Amino acid sequence: MVNSVNTNQSAIVALKSLNNTVTELNKTQKRVTTGYKVADAVDDGAAFAVAQSLRSEKGVLNAVNSQLNVAKGATAVFSSAATNVSDGLARARETLTKLADQNLNTDMRTKYNND
């Protein structure tokens, strides 16, 4: 008794199951290879469009983040420079206050002038 795949009900069910398994395996391999659940419009057009939009926004946000880091560095440099200027002005004020003292001798006055 020879049974054909087309007439054997169990074989048809097994073949459909095998085809579904192969299809799902191919989808999984594609996801693993690309790293994306929806790799292209064939997978799911609407989800792919949303994913592309999100990828684009991510790129923009990465660029903005990079520029913010540059601005943060520039701000740190400016802050350091402002602190140095402030310290210098404080020292100058201190020296000028000392020079305003009428009781200073000539040697001390010369020393403060050289500072």
C-alpha atoms as a PDB file:
ATOM      1  CA  MET A   1       0.000   0.000   0.000  1.00  0.00           C
ATOM      2  CA  VAL A   2       1.607   3.212  -1.190  1.00  0.00           C
ATOM      3  CA  ASN A   3       0.389   6.477   0.298  1.00  0.00           C
ATOM      4  CA  SER A   4       1.040   9.752  -1.462  1.00  0.00           C
ATOM      5  CA  VAL A   5       1.906  12.904   0.462  1.00  0.00           C
ATOM      6  CA  ASN A   6      -1.079  14.541  -1.173  1.00  0.00           C
ATOM      7  CA  THR A   7      -3.516  11.908   0.089  1.00  0.00           C
ATOM      8  CA  ASN A   8      -1.956  11.139   3.472  1.00  0.00           C
ATOM      9  CA  GLN A   9      -3.578  13.565   5.922  1.00  0.00           C
ATOM     10  CA  SER A  10      -0.866  13.160   8.570  1.00  0.00           C
ATOM     11  CA  ALA A  11       1.835  13.867   6.002  1.00  0.00           C
ATOM     12  CA  ILE A  12       0.047  17.037   4.864  1.00  0.00           C
ATOM     13  CA  VAL A  13      -0.214  18.287   8.463  1.00  0.00           C
ATOM     14  CA  ALA A  14       3.445  17.445   9.089  1.00  0.00           C
ATOM     15  CA  LEU A  15       4.490  19.206   5.862  1.00  0.00           C
ATOM     16  CA  LYS A  16       2.549  22.361   6.802  1.00  0.00           C
ATOM     17  CA  SER A  17       4.120  22.273  10.243  1.00  0.00           C
ATOM     18  CA  LEU A  18       7.580  21.882   8.717  1.00  0.00           C
ATOM     19  CA  ASN A  19       6.954  24.790   6.329  1.00  0.00           C
ATOM     20  CA  ASN A  20       5.791  26.993   9.226  1.00  0.00           C
ATOM     21  CA  THR A  21       8.861  26.010  11.228  1.00  0.00           C
ATOM     22  CA  VAL A  22      11.178  26.868   8.334  1.00  0.00           C
ATOM     23  CA  THR A  23       9.421  30.219   7.839  1.00  0.00           C
ATOM     24  CA  GLU A  24       9.748  31.090  11.528  1.00  0.00           C
ATOM     25  CA  LEU A  25      13.377  29.938  11.543  1.00  0.00           C
ATOM     26  CA  ASN A  26      14.112  32.230   8.592  1.00  0.00           C
ATOM     27  CA  LYS A  27      12.453  35.157  10.405  1.00  0.00           C
ATOM     28  CA  THR A  28      14.485  34.430  13.531  1.00  0.00           C
ATOM     29  CA  GLN A  29      17.721  34.181  11.559  1.00  0.00           C
ATOM     30  CA  LYS A  30      16.948  37.497   9.885  1.00  0.00           C
ATOM     31  CA  ARG A  31      16.298  39.118  13.278  1.00  0.00           C
ATOM     32  CA  VAL A  32      19.532  37.727  14.691  1.00  0.00           C
ATOM     33  CA  THR A  33      21.516  38.793  11.624  1.00  0.00           C
ATOM     34  CA  THR A  34      20.159  42.356  11.471  1.00  0.00           C
ATOM     35  CA  GLY A  35      19.571  42.866  15.170  1.00  0.00           C
ATOM     36  CA  TYR A  36      16.108  44.230  14.394  1.00  0.00           C
ATOM     37  CA  LYS A  37      12.731  42.632  14.996  1.00  0.00           C
ATOM     38  CA  VAL A  38      11.472  44.378  11.859  1.00  0.00           C
ATOM     39  CA  ALA A  39      14.397  44.454   9.438  1.00  0.00           C
ATOM     40  CA  ASP A  40      12.573  45.665   6.333  1.00  0.00           C
ATOM     41  CA  ALA A  41       9.156  46.599   4.987  1.00  0.00           C
ATOM     42  CA  VAL A  42       8.445  42.982   4.016  1.00  0.00           C
ATOM     43  CA  ASP A  43       8.275  41.992   7.702  1.00  0.00           C
ATOM     44  CA  ASP A  44       5.694  44.623   8.642  1.00  0.00           C
ATOM     45  CA  GLY A  45       5.387  47.816   6.625  1.00  0.00           C
ATOM     46  CA  ALA A  46       3.841  49.996   9.324  1.00  0.00           C
ATOM     47  CA  ALA A  47       6.178  48.782  12.049  1.00  0.00           C
ATOM     48  CA  PHE A  48       9.141  49.234   9.700  1.00  0.00           C
ATOM     49  CA  ALA A  49       8.143  52.855   9.005  1.00  0.00           C
ATOM     50  CA  VAL A  50       7.886  53.540  12.735  1.00  0.00           C
ATOM     51  CA  ALA A  51      11.204  51.787  13.368  1.00  0.00           C
ATOM     52  CA  GLN A  52      12.926  53.822  10.643  1.00  0.00           C
ATOM     53  CA  SER A  53      11.535  57.017  12.147  1.00  0.00           C
ATOM     54  CA  LEU A  54      12.797  56.011  15.591  1.00  0.00           C
ATOM     55  CA  ARG A  55      16.225  55.124  14.186  1.00  0.00           C
ATOM     56  CA  SER A  56      16.379  58.530  12.528  1.00  0.00           C
ATOM     57  CA  GLU A  57      15.388  60.284  15.762  1.00  0.00           C
ATOM     58  CA  LYS A  58      18.006  58.275  17.628  1.00  0.00           C
ATOM     59  CA  GLY A  59      20.648  59.501  15.197  1.00  0.00           C
ATOM     60  CA  VAL A  60      19.523  63.091  15.695  1.00  0.00           C
ATOM     61  CA  LEU A  61      19.538  62.681  19.476  1.00  0.00           C
ATOM     62  CA  ASN A  62      23.041  61.199  19.354  1.00  0.00           C
ATOM     63  CA  ALA A  63      24.222  64.232  17.376  1.00  0.00           C
ATOM     64  CA  VAL A  64      22.554  66.609  19.834  1.00  0.00           C
ATOM     65  CA  ASN A  65      24.109  64.719  22.744  1.00  0.00           C
ATOM     66  CA  SER A  66      27.513  65.012  21.130  1.00  0.00           C
ATOM     67  CA  GLN A  67      27.087  68.763  20.685  1.00  0.00           C
ATOM     68  CA  LEU A  68      25.905  69.119  24.285  1.00  0.00           C
ATOM     69  CA  ASN A  69      29.058  67.353  25.443  1.00  0.00           C
ATOM     70  CA  VAL A  70      31.131  69.843  23.428  1.00  0.00           C
ATOM     71  CA  ALA A  71      29.206  72.718  25.027  1.00  0.00           C
ATOM     72  CA  LYS A  72      29.698  71.144  28.451  1.00  0.00           C
ATOM     73  CA  GLY A  73      33.453  71.023  27.863  1.00  0.00           C
ATOM     74  CA  ALA A  74      33.511  74.641  26.682  1.00  0.00           C
ATOM     75  CA  THR A  75      31.535  75.674  29.761  1.00  0.00           C
ATOM     76  CA  ALA A  76      34.015  73.884  32.017  1.00  0.00           C
ATOM     77  CA  VAL A  77      36.912  75.717  30.331  1.00  0.00           C
ATOM     78  CA  PHE A  78      35.107  79.050  30.658  1.00  0.00           C
ATOM     79  CA  SER A  79      34.317  78.371  34.314  1.00  0.00           C
ATOM     80  CA  SER A  80      37.947  77.548  35.030  1.00  0.00           C
ATOM     81  CA  ALA A  81      39.103  80.699  33.249  1.00  0.00           C
ATOM     82  CA  ALA A  82      36.579  82.834  35.132  1.00  0.00           C
ATOM     83  CA  THR A  83      37.785  81.350  38.423  1.00  0.00           C
ATOM     84  CA  ASN A  84      41.386  82.172  37.514  1.00  0.00           C
ATOM     85  CA  VAL A  85      40.433  85.761  36.617  1.00  0.00           C
ATOM     86  CA  SER A  86      38.492  86.106  39.859  1.00  0.00           C
ATOM     87  CA  ASP A  87      41.448  84.787  41.868  1.00  0.00           C
ATOM     88  CA  GLY A  88      43.773  87.221  40.089  1.00  0.00           C
ATOM     89  CA  LEU A  89      41.467  90.150  40.814  1.00  0.00           C
ATOM     90  CA  ALA A  90      41.266  89.130  44.472  1.00  0.00           C
ATOM     91  CA  ARG A  91      45.075  89.070  44.702  1.00  0.00           C
ATOM     92  CA  ALA A  92      45.279  92.463  42.981  1.00  0.00           C
ATOM     93  CA  ARG A  93      42.737  93.924  45.392  1.00  0.00           C
ATOM     94  CA  GLU A  94      44.686  92.530  48.322  1.00  0.00           C
ATOM     95  CA  THR A  95      47.940  94.026  46.998  1.00  0.00           C
ATOM     96  CA  LEU A  96      46.312  97.411  46.337  1.00  0.00           C
ATOM     97  CA  THR A  97      44.895  97.428  49.845  1.00  0.00           C
ATOM     98  CA  LYS A  98      48.356  96.765  51.244  1.00  0.00           C
ATOM     99  CA  LEU A  99      49.857  99.518  49.063  1.00  0.00           C
ATOM    100  CA  ALA A 100      47.279 101.995  50.383  1.00  0.00           C
ATOM    101  CA  ASP A 101      48.797 101.652  53.851  1.00  0.00           C
ATOM    102  CA  GLN A 102      50.666 104.894  54.602  1.00  0.00           C
ATOM    103  CA  ASN A 103      52.962 103.159  57.105  1.00  0.00           C
ATOM    104  CA  LEU A 104      54.732 100.997  54.469  1.00  0.00           C
ATOM    105  CA  ASN A 105      58.440 101.494  54.044  1.00  0.00           C
ATOM    106  CA  THR A 106      60.023 101.763  50.596  1.00  0.00           C
ATOM    107  CA  ASP A 107      61.258  98.151  50.515  1.00  0.00           C
ATOM    108  CA  MET A 108      57.799  96.741  51.258  1.00  0.00           C
ATOM    109  CA  ARG A 109      56.185  99.078  48.740  1.00  0.00           C
ATOM    110  CA  THR A 110      58.663  97.902  46.061  1.00  0.00           C
ATOM    111  CA  LYS A 111      57.959  94.265  46.937  1.00  0.00           C
ATOM    112  CA  TYR A 112      54.187  94.747  46.635  1.00  0.00           C
ATOM    113  CA  ASN A 113      54.601  96.629  43.353  1.00  0.00           C
ATOM    114  CA  ASN A 114      56.596  93.709  41.927  1.00  0.00           C
ATOM    115  CA  ASP A 115      53.870  91.241  42.880  1.00  0.00           C
END
